């Protein structure tokens, strides 16, 4: 059995150093799968004062772009996407095009 981690997307924020530290720590602890998910909707908290889940201001990174960055940090990690919302991106930019673009960017930066 392999045990992995879920990337705490809302809690971790956008700082690359924090994302790097989390990923390196997970890899060093022996976790292999790391899961992230796509998200496009959030409630407007001004209309729902008791809302405690993600809001319309929550920061969600596009999973393939984030994984391109994480792959350069810990290539041994298995990158798993729990949910991908294809309709949220440019509809002419297919999944295979996204992969090629991201992997070429990761390869050129590493």
Protein backbone atom coordinates (compact mmCIF):
# COMPACT_ATOMS: atom_id res chain seq x y z
CA UNK A 1 0.00 0.00 0.00
CA UNK A 2 1.20 3.51 -0.83
CA UNK A 3 0.18 6.37 1.39
CA UNK A 4 0.03 9.87 0.01
CA UNK A 5 -0.90 13.39 0.97
CA UNK A 6 -3.45 15.91 -0.18
CA UNK A 7 -1.95 19.27 -1.04
CA UNK A 8 -3.57 21.79 1.32
CA UNK A 9 -4.39 24.23 -1.46
CA UNK A 10 -6.28 26.86 0.51
CA UNK A 11 -4.01 26.70 3.54
CA UNK A 12 -0.68 26.61 1.72
CA UNK A 13 -1.15 29.81 -0.25
CA UNK A 14 0.81 30.95 -3.28
CA UNK A 15 4.33 31.31 -1.88
CA UNK A 16 6.62 29.04 -3.96
CA UNK A 17 8.93 28.47 -0.97
CA UNK A 18 6.03 27.17 1.14
CA UNK A 19 4.89 24.88 -1.66
CA UNK A 20 8.46 23.63 -2.08
CA UNK A 21 8.87 22.98 1.65
CA UNK A 22 5.61 21.04 1.85
CA UNK A 23 6.50 18.89 -1.16
CA UNK A 24 10.06 18.21 -0.02
CA UNK A 25 8.84 17.30 3.47
CA UNK A 26 6.21 14.93 2.09
CA UNK A 27 8.82 13.27 -0.16
CA UNK A 28 11.36 13.00 2.67
CA UNK A 29 8.74 11.37 4.90
CA UNK A 30 8.19 8.70 2.25
CA UNK A 31 4.86 9.82 0.86
CA UNK A 32 4.64 9.27 -2.88
CA UNK A 33 1.24 10.28 -4.21
CA UNK A 34 0.41 13.95 -3.78
CA UNK A 35 -3.13 14.93 -4.73
CA UNK A 36 -4.43 18.32 -5.82
CA UNK A 37 -7.71 19.30 -7.38
CA UNK A 38 -9.16 21.97 -9.59
CA UNK A 39 -11.92 24.24 -8.35
CA UNK A 40 -13.77 27.10 -9.98
CA UNK A 41 -16.69 27.91 -7.72
CA UNK A 42 -16.93 29.43 -4.28
CA UNK A 43 -19.73 31.00 -2.32
CA UNK A 44 -19.96 34.74 -1.90
CA UNK A 45 -19.39 35.03 1.86
CA UNK A 46 -20.96 38.48 1.97
CA UNK A 47 -24.28 36.77 1.24
CA UNK A 48 -23.60 33.83 3.54
CA UNK A 49 -21.96 35.07 6.75
CA UNK A 50 -21.89 31.58 8.30
CA UNK A 51 -20.14 29.99 5.30
CA UNK A 52 -16.94 28.18 6.33
CA UNK A 53 -15.95 26.43 3.09
CA UNK A 54 -14.09 27.97 0.14
CA UNK A 55 -15.29 31.35 -1.04
CA UNK A 56 -15.19 33.23 -4.32
CA UNK A 57 -11.87 34.77 -3.22
CA UNK A 58 -10.13 31.43 -2.46
CA UNK A 59 -6.89 30.83 -4.30
CA UNK A 60 -6.82 27.64 -6.36
CA UNK A 61 -3.87 27.07 -8.67
CA UNK A 62 -4.42 25.27 -11.95
CA UNK A 63 -3.30 21.69 -11.10
CA UNK A 64 -1.15 21.04 -14.19
CA UNK A 65 0.80 24.26 -13.71
CA UNK A 66 1.31 23.52 -10.01
CA UNK A 67 2.41 19.96 -10.79
CA UNK A 68 4.86 21.26 -13.36
CA UNK A 69 6.49 23.23 -10.56
CA UNK A 70 6.30 20.38 -8.02
CA UNK A 71 7.74 17.85 -10.49
CA UNK A 72 10.98 19.82 -10.62
CA UNK A 73 11.21 19.75 -6.82
CA UNK A 74 10.43 16.09 -6.15
CA UNK A 75 10.45 14.04 -9.37
CA UNK A 76 9.85 10.84 -7.37
CA UNK A 77 6.40 12.04 -6.30
CA UNK A 78 3.32 10.65 -8.03
CA UNK A 79 1.20 13.63 -9.05
CA UNK A 80 -2.52 12.89 -8.77
CA UNK A 81 -5.38 15.15 -9.81
CA UNK A 82 -8.59 14.49 -7.90
CA UNK A 83 -10.78 16.78 -10.01
CA UNK A 84 -10.04 18.64 -13.22
CA UNK A 85 -12.50 21.17 -14.59
CA UNK A 86 -11.66 21.29 -18.29
CA UNK A 87 -14.41 23.76 -19.06
CA UNK A 88 -12.77 26.39 -16.87
CA UNK A 89 -9.81 26.78 -19.20
CA UNK A 90 -9.55 27.80 -22.80
CA UNK A 91 -11.73 25.21 -24.58
CA UNK A 92 -9.35 25.05 -27.54
CA UNK A 93 -6.49 24.12 -25.23
CA UNK A 94 -6.94 20.36 -24.92
CA UNK A 95 -5.61 18.18 -22.11
CA UNK A 96 -2.78 16.85 -24.28
CA UNK A 97 -1.78 20.40 -25.21
CA UNK A 98 -1.79 21.39 -21.53
CA UNK A 99 0.45 18.45 -20.67
CA UNK A 100 2.95 19.18 -23.44
CA UNK A 101 3.16 22.84 -22.49
CA UNK A 102 3.61 22.20 -18.77
CA UNK A 103 6.14 19.40 -19.14
CA UNK A 104 8.21 21.41 -21.59
CA UNK A 105 8.19 24.36 -19.16
CA UNK A 106 9.22 22.07 -16.28
CA UNK A 107 12.01 20.50 -18.34
CA UNK A 108 13.40 23.85 -19.43
CA UNK A 109 13.42 25.22 -15.88
CA UNK A 110 15.02 22.22 -14.22
